[in-house]
Amino acid sequence: MRIMRLAAAAAMVLAAAGGAEAKEWTKVRIGTEGAYPPFNVLSSDGQLSGFDVDIAKALCEDMKVECEFIAQDWEGIITALEAGKYDAIIASMSITEERKLKVDFTNKYYNTPPAIAVPKDSALAGVTDADLAGAVLGAQASTTHSNYAEAKLPSAALKLYPTPDEYKLDLENGRIDAAIDDVVVLDEWVKSDAGACCKILGTLKPDPVINGEGAGIAIRKEDQDLKEMFNKAIANIRANGKYKEINDAYFDFDVYGD
């Protein structure tokens, strides 16, 4: 009899837990940085735009949920997700094993390689560790690109910045010799008036351990239903042409990658 009572109590606990976990997603709050053009940009009037934002809107439309966007500094972006400030991060976050210790990820929604940018009159001739020996290399802190520089380019003197805008300013003004970031971010910059000082020196071969599987959507580990909703929506917009429509508005190649 005691065993039966314990079993019944356990079943009630499980049922209650299941009910607590079940959530009807009608609104999804999305955190993004707003300082990583062309992927996410925060305007002076507080509006977020960019590839990440447009992809997020398309995914929310496919999932038939309301989107709310929240700007968040890169430092602390995962901590804020864990604390419940928003439900997902769509901010060009690379899927890495280190980050998987804290959060879960959807399938990738794009994958592009890192690159090195330098002033147009730079004497640097290549992007190997030997080529960059002694050079001051700028990178945004707490990114796969700064991790890559530390692991693969130890002969360079790494200087870390809170945002890409700050390393770009230092590169333009000659305070650093080179910068590492996503090739699309750097290419967009050097083609603009603001980046007229500089050029792409070359791309780097991604390291799967450091660079991960591509950019994915970070969600809390307990929100597996939301993860599956996003995965289904990513597949849907890839299949129905919406992804290509957004891609072509920003790039002249498929950023989804291999």
C-alpha atoms as a PDB file:
ATOM      1  CA  MET A   1       0.000   0.000   0.000  1.00  0.00           C
ATOM      2  CA  ARG A   2       2.839   2.387   0.881  1.00  0.00           C
ATOM      3  CA  ILE A   3       4.471   1.693  -2.502  1.00  0.00           C
ATOM      4  CA  MET A   4       1.197   2.446  -4.286  1.00  0.00           C
ATOM      5  CA  ARG A   5       0.830   5.718  -2.386  1.00  0.00           C
ATOM      6  CA  LEU A   6       4.404   6.715  -3.220  1.00  0.00           C
ATOM      7  CA  ALA A   7       3.836   5.877  -6.881  1.00  0.00           C
ATOM      8  CA  ALA A   8       0.655   7.926  -6.931  1.00  0.00           C
ATOM      9  CA  ALA A   9       2.401  10.857  -5.262  1.00  0.00           C
ATOM     10  CA  ALA A  10       5.267  10.637  -7.727  1.00  0.00           C
ATOM     11  CA  ALA A  11       2.834  10.616 -10.641  1.00  0.00           C
ATOM     12  CA  MET A  12       1.131  13.735  -9.273  1.00  0.00           C
ATOM     13  CA  VAL A  13       4.501  15.494  -8.921  1.00  0.00           C
ATOM     14  CA  LEU A  14       5.466  14.576 -12.471  1.00  0.00           C
ATOM     15  CA  ALA A  15       2.125  15.724 -13.801  1.00  0.00           C
ATOM     16  CA  ALA A  16       2.457  19.021 -11.961  1.00  0.00           C
ATOM     17  CA  ALA A  17       5.995  19.468 -13.238  1.00  0.00           C
ATOM     18  CA  GLY A  18       4.870  18.702 -16.754  1.00  0.00           C
ATOM     19  CA  GLY A  19       2.135  21.286 -16.471  1.00  0.00           C
ATOM     20  CA  ALA A  20       4.630  23.850 -15.150  1.00  0.00           C
ATOM     21  CA  GLU A  21       7.003  23.238 -18.024  1.00  0.00           C
ATOM     22  CA  ALA A  22       4.341  23.420 -20.711  1.00  0.00           C
ATOM     23  CA  LYS A  23       4.114  26.919 -22.124  1.00  0.00           C
ATOM     24  CA  GLU A  24       2.061  28.317 -24.927  1.00  0.00           C
ATOM     25  CA  TRP A  25       4.415  30.613 -26.833  1.00  0.00           C
ATOM     26  CA  THR A  26       2.361  33.522 -28.133  1.00  0.00           C
ATOM     27  CA  LYS A  27       5.100  36.107 -27.550  1.00  0.00           C
ATOM     28  CA  VAL A  28       8.874  35.631 -27.760  1.00  0.00           C
ATOM     29  CA  ARG A  29      11.268  38.229 -26.370  1.00  0.00           C
ATOM     30  CA  ILE A  30      14.475  38.353 -28.401  1.00  0.00           C
ATOM     31  CA  GLY A  31      17.773  39.786 -27.197  1.00  0.00           C
ATOM     32  CA  THR A  32      20.245  41.194 -29.697  1.00  0.00           C
ATOM     33  CA  GLU A  33      23.256  43.480 -29.480  1.00  0.00           C
ATOM     34  CA  GLY A  34      22.628  46.297 -31.927  1.00  0.00           C
ATOM     35  CA  ALA A  35      26.324  46.998 -32.514  1.00  0.00           C
ATOM     36  CA  TYR A  36      27.276  44.444 -35.171  1.00  0.00           C
ATOM     37  CA  PRO A  37      26.355  45.700 -38.654  1.00  0.00           C
ATOM     38  CA  PRO A  38      25.059  44.432 -40.997  1.00  0.00           C
ATOM     39  CA  PHE A  39      23.712  41.730 -38.700  1.00  0.00           C
ATOM     40  CA  ASN A  40      22.252  43.884 -35.930  1.00  0.00           C
ATOM     41  CA  VAL A  41      22.212  47.677 -35.634  1.00  0.00           C
ATOM     42  CA  LEU A  42      20.649  50.013 -33.066  1.00  0.00           C
ATOM     43  CA  SER A  43      19.673  53.408 -34.494  1.00  0.00           C
ATOM     44  CA  SER A  44      19.797  56.686 -32.586  1.00  0.00           C
ATOM     45  CA  ASP A  45      16.020  56.510 -32.089  1.00  0.00           C
ATOM     46  CA  GLY A  46      16.251  53.066 -30.514  1.00  0.00           C
ATOM     47  CA  GLN A  47      15.180  50.964 -33.496  1.00  0.00           C
ATOM     48  CA  LEU A  48      16.874  47.613 -34.156  1.00  0.00           C
ATOM     49  CA  SER A  49      17.530  46.439 -37.686  1.00  0.00           C
ATOM     50  CA  GLY A  50      19.823  44.161 -39.673  1.00  0.00           C
ATOM     51  CA  PHE A  51      20.026  40.602 -40.964  1.00  0.00           C
ATOM     52  CA  ASP A  52      19.592  39.047 -37.490  1.00  0.00           C
ATOM     53  CA  VAL A  53      16.514  41.167 -36.841  1.00  0.00           C
ATOM     54  CA  ASP A  54      14.908  40.443 -40.210  1.00  0.00           C
ATOM     55  CA  ILE A  55      15.559  36.714 -39.807  1.00  0.00           C
ATOM     56  CA  ALA A  56      14.052  36.852 -36.313  1.00  0.00           C
ATOM     57  CA  LYS A  57      10.936  38.593 -37.626  1.00  0.00           C
ATOM     58  CA  ALA A  58      10.550  35.964 -40.370  1.00  0.00           C
ATOM     59  CA  LEU A  59      10.931  33.150 -37.840  1.00  0.00           C
ATOM     60  CA  CYS A  60       8.370  34.701 -35.492  1.00  0.00           C
ATOM     61  CA  GLU A  61       5.955  35.140 -38.392  1.00  0.00           C
ATOM     62  CA  ASP A  62       6.381  31.496 -39.359  1.00  0.00           C
ATOM     63  CA  MET A  63       5.863  30.418 -35.735  1.00  0.00           C
ATOM     64  CA  LYS A  64       2.830  32.721 -35.482  1.00  0.00           C
ATOM     65  CA  VAL A  65       4.124  34.461 -32.385  1.00  0.00           C
ATOM     66  CA  GLU A  66       4.646  38.119 -31.494  1.00  0.00           C
ATOM     67  CA  CYS A  67       8.277  39.318 -31.464  1.00  0.00           C
ATOM     68  CA  GLU A  68       9.631  41.785 -28.929  1.00  0.00           C
ATOM     69  CA  PHE A  69      13.233  42.933 -29.421  1.00  0.00           C
ATOM     70  CA  ILE A  70      15.482  43.940 -26.529  1.00  0.00           C
ATOM     71  CA  ALA A  71      18.904  45.554 -27.035  1.00  0.00           C
ATOM     72  CA  GLN A  72      21.616  44.115 -24.807  1.00  0.00           C
ATOM     73  CA  ASP A  73      25.374  44.707 -24.594  1.00  0.00           C
ATOM     74  CA  TRP A  74      27.381  41.683 -25.712  1.00  0.00           C
ATOM     75  CA  GLU A  75      29.024  41.391 -22.307  1.00  0.00           C
ATOM     76  CA  GLY A  76      26.315  39.794 -20.212  1.00  0.00           C
ATOM     77  CA  ILE A  77      24.061  38.757 -23.091  1.00  0.00           C
ATOM     78  CA  ILE A  78      23.940  35.096 -21.968  1.00  0.00           C
ATOM     79  CA  THR A  79      23.582  36.033 -18.291  1.00  0.00           C
ATOM     80  CA  ALA A  80      20.555  38.172 -19.166  1.00  0.00           C
ATOM     81  CA  LEU A  81      18.986  35.239 -21.052  1.00  0.00           C
ATOM     82  CA  GLU A  82      19.501  32.973 -18.038  1.00  0.00           C
ATOM     83  CA  ALA A  83      17.965  35.649 -15.801  1.00  0.00           C
ATOM     84  CA  GLY A  84      14.811  35.792 -17.943  1.00  0.00           C
ATOM     85  CA  LYS A  85      15.272  39.229 -19.505  1.00  0.00           C
ATOM     86  CA  TYR A  86      14.358  37.643 -22.851  1.00  0.00           C
ATOM     87  CA  ASP A  87      13.619  34.179 -24.244  1.00  0.00           C
ATOM     88  CA  ALA A  88      16.152  33.867 -27.054  1.00  0.00           C
ATOM     89  CA  ILE A  89      19.342  35.478 -28.345  1.00  0.00           C
ATOM     90  CA  ILE A  90      19.486  36.205 -32.077  1.00  0.00           C
ATOM     91  CA  ALA A  91      22.736  38.141 -32.300  1.00  0.00           C
ATOM     92  CA  SER A  92      25.159  36.268 -34.580  1.00  0.00           C
ATOM     93  CA  MET A  93      26.197  34.067 -31.668  1.00  0.00           C
ATOM     94  CA  SER A  94      28.433  31.183 -32.719  1.00  0.00           C
ATOM     95  CA  ILE A  95      27.441  27.734 -31.493  1.00  0.00           C
ATOM     96  CA  THR A  96      30.364  26.553 -29.356  1.00  0.00           C
ATOM     97  CA  GLU A  97      30.863  23.804 -26.793  1.00  0.00           C
ATOM     98  CA  GLU A  98      31.789  26.372 -24.146  1.00  0.00           C
ATOM     99  CA  ARG A  99      28.521  28.257 -24.588  1.00  0.00           C
ATOM    100  CA  LYS A 100      26.548  24.987 -24.645  1.00  0.00           C
ATOM    101  CA  LEU A 101      27.532  24.532 -21.013  1.00  0.00           C
ATOM    102  CA  LYS A 102      25.219  27.449 -20.169  1.00  0.00           C
ATOM    103  CA  VAL A 103      22.593  27.552 -22.909  1.00  0.00           C
ATOM    104  CA  ASP A 104      21.197  25.447 -25.719  1.00  0.00           C
ATOM    105  CA  PHE A 105      21.198  26.343 -29.412  1.00  0.00           C
ATOM    106  CA  THR A 106      18.995  25.850 -32.420  1.00  0.00           C
ATOM    107  CA  ASN A 107      20.412  24.712 -35.708  1.00  0.00           C
ATOM    108  CA  LYS A 108      22.578  27.340 -37.392  1.00  0.00           C
ATOM    109  CA  TYR A 109      20.994  30.122 -39.412  1.00  0.00           C
ATOM    110  CA  TYR A 110      24.248  31.249 -41.060  1.00  0.00           C
ATOM    111  CA  ASN A 111      27.954  30.430 -41.136  1.00  0.00           C
ATOM    112  CA  THR A 112      30.741  32.698 -42.424  1.00  0.00           C
ATOM    113  CA  PRO A 113      34.519  32.650 -41.781  1.00  0.00           C
ATOM    114  CA  PRO A 114      36.677  35.088 -39.794  1.00  0.00           C
ATOM    115  CA  ALA A 115      38.976  37.551 -41.553  1.00  0.00           C
ATOM    116  CA  ILE A 116      41.693  40.125 -40.901  1.00  0.00           C
ATOM    117  CA  ALA A 117      41.366  43.801 -41.852  1.00  0.00           C
ATOM    118  CA  VAL A 118      44.288  46.245 -42.037  1.00  0.00           C
ATOM    119  CA  PRO A 119      44.926  49.835 -43.185  1.00  0.00           C
ATOM    120  CA  LYS A 120      45.300  50.113 -46.954  1.00  0.00           C
ATOM    121  CA  ASP A 121      48.961  51.123 -46.593  1.00  0.00           C
ATOM    122  CA  SER A 122      49.750  48.263 -44.193  1.00  0.00           C
ATOM    123  CA  ALA A 123      53.051  46.419 -44.611  1.00  0.00           C
ATOM    124  CA  LEU A 124      51.465  43.190 -43.363  1.00  0.00           C
ATOM    125  CA  ALA A 125      51.555  40.608 -46.128  1.00  0.00           C
ATOM    126  CA  GLY A 126      49.446  37.732 -44.827  1.00  0.00           C
ATOM    127  CA  VAL A 127      47.189  36.373 -42.105  1.00  0.00           C
ATOM    128  CA  THR A 128      49.325  33.592 -40.604  1.00  0.00           C
ATOM    129  CA  ASP A 129      50.706  33.790 -37.091  1.00  0.00           C
ATOM    130  CA  ALA A 130      54.167  34.446 -38.541  1.00  0.00           C
ATOM    131  CA  ASP A 131      52.793  37.229 -40.757  1.00  0.00           C
ATOM    132  CA  LEU A 132      51.181  38.941 -37.764  1.00  0.00           C
ATOM    133  CA  ALA A 133      54.097  38.531 -35.337  1.00  0.00           C
ATOM    134  CA  GLY A 134      54.490  41.716 -33.298  1.00  0.00           C
ATOM    135  CA  ALA A 135      51.388  43.372 -34.767  1.00  0.00           C
ATOM    136  CA  VAL A 136      48.726  44.808 -32.454  1.00  0.00           C
ATOM    137  CA  LEU A 137      45.533  42.952 -33.316  1.00  0.00           C
ATOM    138  CA  GLY A 138      42.125  44.267 -32.251  1.00  0.00           C
ATOM    139  CA  ALA A 139      39.057  42.131 -31.527  1.00  0.00           C
ATOM    140  CA  GLN A 140      35.758  42.371 -29.703  1.00  0.00           C
ATOM    141  CA  ALA A 141      36.056  40.753 -26.271  1.00  0.00           C
ATOM    142  CA  SER A 142      34.295  37.480 -25.397  1.00  0.00           C
ATOM    143  CA  THR A 143      33.823  36.444 -29.026  1.00  0.00           C
ATOM    144  CA  THR A 144      34.956  33.456 -31.047  1.00  0.00           C
ATOM    145  CA  HIS A 145      37.195  35.884 -32.943  1.00  0.00           C
ATOM    146  CA  SER A 146      39.099  36.954 -29.835  1.00  0.00           C
ATOM    147  CA  ASN A 147      39.335  33.288 -28.818  1.00  0.00           C
ATOM    148  CA  TYR A 148      40.665  32.438 -32.284  1.00  0.00           C
ATOM    149  CA  ALA A 149      43.307  35.161 -32.061  1.00  0.00           C
ATOM    150  CA  GLU A 150      44.452  33.939 -28.645  1.00  0.00           C
ATOM    151  CA  ALA A 151      44.722  30.329 -29.811  1.00  0.00           C
ATOM    152  CA  LYS A 152      45.871  30.653 -33.414  1.00  0.00           C
ATOM    153  CA  LEU A 153      47.670  34.011 -33.576  1.00  0.00           C
ATOM    154  CA  PRO A 154      49.687  34.129 -30.326  1.00  0.00           C
ATOM    155  CA  SER A 155      52.565  36.083 -31.926  1.00  0.00           C
ATOM    156  CA  ALA A 156      50.299  39.115 -32.321  1.00  0.00           C
ATOM    157  CA  ALA A 157      49.588  41.438 -29.384  1.00  0.00           C
ATOM    158  CA  LEU A 158      45.833  41.102 -28.836  1.00  0.00           C
ATOM    159  CA  LYS A 159      43.860  44.172 -27.758  1.00  0.00           C
ATOM    160  CA  LEU A 160      40.237  43.637 -26.723  1.00  0.00           C
ATOM    161  CA  TYR A 161      37.306  46.031 -27.128  1.00  0.00           C
ATOM    162  CA  PRO A 162      33.702  46.062 -25.818  1.00  0.00           C
ATOM    163  CA  THR A 163      32.264  46.648 -29.323  1.00  0.00           C
ATOM    164  CA  PRO A 164      33.458  46.464 -32.945  1.00  0.00           C
ATOM    165  CA  ASP A 165      33.031  50.223 -33.348  1.00  0.00           C
ATOM    166  CA  GLU A 166      35.914  50.818 -30.958  1.00  0.00           C
ATOM    167  CA  TYR A 167      38.451  48.573 -32.680  1.00  0.00           C
ATOM    168  CA  LYS A 168      37.415  50.060 -36.029  1.00  0.00           C
ATOM    169  CA  LEU A 169      38.132  53.572 -34.733  1.00  0.00           C
ATOM    170  CA  ASP A 170      41.543  52.521 -33.434  1.00  0.00           C
ATOM    171  CA  LEU A 171      42.401  50.787 -36.700  1.00  0.00           C
ATOM    172  CA  GLU A 172      41.369  53.858 -38.673  1.00  0.00           C
ATOM    173  CA  ASN A 173      43.522  56.100 -36.458  1.00  0.00           C
ATOM    174  CA  GLY A 174      46.591  53.853 -36.501  1.00  0.00           C
ATOM    175  CA  ARG A 175      46.432  52.791 -32.867  1.00  0.00           C
ATOM    176  CA  ILE A 176      46.335  49.121 -33.844  1.00  0.00           C
ATOM    177  CA  ASP A 177      47.764  47.310 -36.871  1.00  0.00           C
ATOM    178  CA  ALA A 178      44.959  44.897 -37.711  1.00  0.00           C
ATOM    179  CA  ALA A 179      41.562  43.607 -36.590  1.00  0.00           C
ATOM    180  CA  ILE A 180      39.860  40.222 -36.632  1.00  0.00           C
ATOM    181  CA  ASP A 181      36.122  39.681 -37.049  1.00  0.00           C
ATOM    182  CA  ASP A 182      33.570  37.983 -39.284  1.00  0.00           C
ATOM    183  CA  VAL A 183      34.406  38.504 -42.960  1.00  0.00           C
ATOM    184  CA  VAL A 184      30.942  39.916 -43.680  1.00  0.00           C
ATOM    185  CA  VAL A 185      31.212  42.488 -40.884  1.00  0.00           C
ATOM    186  CA  LEU A 186      34.650  43.613 -42.022  1.00  0.00           C
ATOM    187  CA  ASP A 187      33.718  43.596 -45.719  1.00  0.00           C
ATOM    188  CA  GLU A 188      30.646  45.733 -45.039  1.00  0.00           C
ATOM    189  CA  TRP A 189      32.797  48.193 -43.109  1.00  0.00           C
ATOM    190  CA  VAL A 190      35.682  48.548 -45.587  1.00  0.00           C
ATOM    191  CA  LYS A 191      33.181  49.159 -48.408  1.00  0.00           C
ATOM    192  CA  SER A 192      31.598  52.036 -46.474  1.00  0.00           C
ATOM    193  CA  ASP A 193      32.816  55.605 -46.110  1.00  0.00           C
ATOM    194  CA  ALA A 194      33.642  54.905 -42.463  1.00  0.00           C
ATOM    195  CA  GLY A 195      35.946  52.041 -43.444  1.00  0.00           C
ATOM    196  CA  ALA A 196      37.612  53.729 -46.428  1.00  0.00           C
ATOM    197  CA  CYS A 197      40.897  53.606 -44.500  1.00  0.00           C
ATOM    198  CA  CYS A 198      41.143  49.878 -44.643  1.00  0.00           C
ATOM    199  CA  LYS A 199      40.973  46.630 -46.608  1.00  0.00           C
ATOM    200  CA  ILE A 200      40.482  42.898 -46.049  1.00  0.00           C
ATOM    201  CA  LEU A 201      43.913  41.296 -45.809  1.00  0.00           C
ATOM    202  CA  GLY A 202      42.524  37.774 -46.000  1.00  0.00           C
ATOM    203  CA  THR A 203      40.139  35.210 -44.548  1.00  0.00           C
ATOM    204  CA  LEU A 204      41.068  32.609 -41.947  1.00  0.00           C
ATOM    205  CA  LYS A 205      40.262  28.910 -41.935  1.00  0.00           C
ATOM    206  CA  PRO A 206      37.633  28.363 -39.232  1.00  0.00           C
ATOM    207  CA  ASP A 207      38.476  26.031 -36.373  1.00  0.00           C
ATOM    208  CA  PRO A 208      35.347  23.979 -35.529  1.00  0.00           C
ATOM    209  CA  VAL A 209      36.319  23.837 -31.852  1.00  0.00           C
ATOM    210  CA  ILE A 210      36.731  27.622 -31.592  1.00  0.00           C
ATOM    211  CA  ASN A 211      34.365  28.936 -34.256  1.00  0.00           C
ATOM    212  CA  GLY A 212      31.675  26.330 -33.743  1.00  0.00           C
ATOM    213  CA  GLU A 213      29.027  25.190 -36.194  1.00  0.00           C
ATOM    214  CA  GLY A 214      27.849  28.612 -37.290  1.00  0.00           C
ATOM    215  CA  ALA A 215      25.558  31.225 -35.745  1.00  0.00           C
ATOM    216  CA  GLY A 216      22.560  29.813 -33.901  1.00  0.00           C
ATOM    217  CA  ILE A 217      19.748  31.025 -31.675  1.00  0.00           C
ATOM    218  CA  ALA A 218      20.558  30.652 -27.986  1.00  0.00           C
ATOM    219  CA  ILE A 219      17.732  29.577 -25.675  1.00  0.00           C
ATOM    220  CA  ARG A 220      17.523  28.424 -22.064  1.00  0.00           C
ATOM    221  CA  LYS A 221      18.117  24.697 -21.665  1.00  0.00           C
ATOM    222  CA  GLU A 222      14.646  24.131 -20.250  1.00  0.00           C
ATOM    223  CA  ASP A 223      12.907  25.714 -23.268  1.00  0.00           C
ATOM    224  CA  GLN A 224      13.225  22.735 -25.608  1.00  0.00           C
ATOM    225  CA  ASP A 225       9.778  23.388 -27.081  1.00  0.00           C
ATOM    226  CA  LEU A 226      10.900  26.857 -28.173  1.00  0.00           C
ATOM    227  CA  LYS A 227      14.082  25.389 -29.651  1.00  0.00           C
ATOM    228  CA  GLU A 228      12.067  22.978 -31.774  1.00  0.00           C
ATOM    229  CA  MET A 229       9.740  25.777 -32.886  1.00  0.00           C
ATOM    230  CA  PHE A 230      12.735  27.804 -34.062  1.00  0.00           C
ATOM    231  CA  ASN A 231      14.335  24.813 -35.801  1.00  0.00           C
ATOM    232  CA  LYS A 232      11.142  24.102 -37.715  1.00  0.00           C
ATOM    233  CA  ALA A 233      10.820  27.772 -38.664  1.00  0.00           C
ATOM    234  CA  ILE A 234      14.458  27.950 -39.868  1.00  0.00           C
ATOM    235  CA  ALA A 235      13.819  24.976 -42.143  1.00  0.00           C
ATOM    236  CA  ASN A 236      10.568  26.515 -43.371  1.00  0.00           C
ATOM    237  CA  ILE A 237      12.025  29.906 -44.351  1.00  0.00           C
ATOM    238  CA  ARG A 238      14.936  28.171 -46.068  1.00  0.00           C
ATOM    239  CA  ALA A 239      12.462  26.100 -48.076  1.00  0.00           C
ATOM    240  CA  ASN A 240       9.867  28.757 -48.928  1.00  0.00           C
ATOM    241  CA  GLY A 241      12.292  31.403 -50.208  1.00  0.00           C
ATOM    242  CA  LYS A 242      11.944  33.886 -47.343  1.00  0.00           C
ATOM    243  CA  TYR A 243      15.518  33.265 -46.172  1.00  0.00           C
ATOM    244  CA  LYS A 244      16.863  33.951 -49.681  1.00  0.00           C
ATOM    245  CA  GLU A 245      14.809  37.142 -49.890  1.00  0.00           C
ATOM    246  CA  ILE A 246      16.365  38.435 -46.662  1.00  0.00           C
ATOM    247  CA  ASN A 247      19.828  37.143 -47.582  1.00  0.00           C
ATOM    248  CA  ASP A 248      19.749  38.907 -50.957  1.00  0.00           C
ATOM    249  CA  ALA A 249      18.780  42.202 -49.345  1.00  0.00           C
ATOM    250  CA  TYR A 250      22.129  42.198 -47.506  1.00  0.00           C
ATOM    251  CA  PHE A 251      24.581  39.957 -49.372  1.00  0.00           C
ATOM    252  CA  ASP A 252      25.461  38.830 -52.881  1.00  0.00           C
ATOM    253  CA  PHE A 253      26.190  35.269 -51.716  1.00  0.00           C
ATOM    254  CA  ASP A 254      24.455  32.699 -49.493  1.00  0.00           C
ATOM    255  CA  VAL A 255      25.621  33.324 -45.912  1.00  0.00           C
ATOM    256  CA  TYR A 256      24.028  30.072 -44.764  1.00  0.00           C
ATOM    257  CA  GLY A 257      27.293  28.317 -45.697  1.00  0.00           C
ATOM    258  CA  ASP A 258      28.028  24.645 -46.119  1.00  0.00           C
END
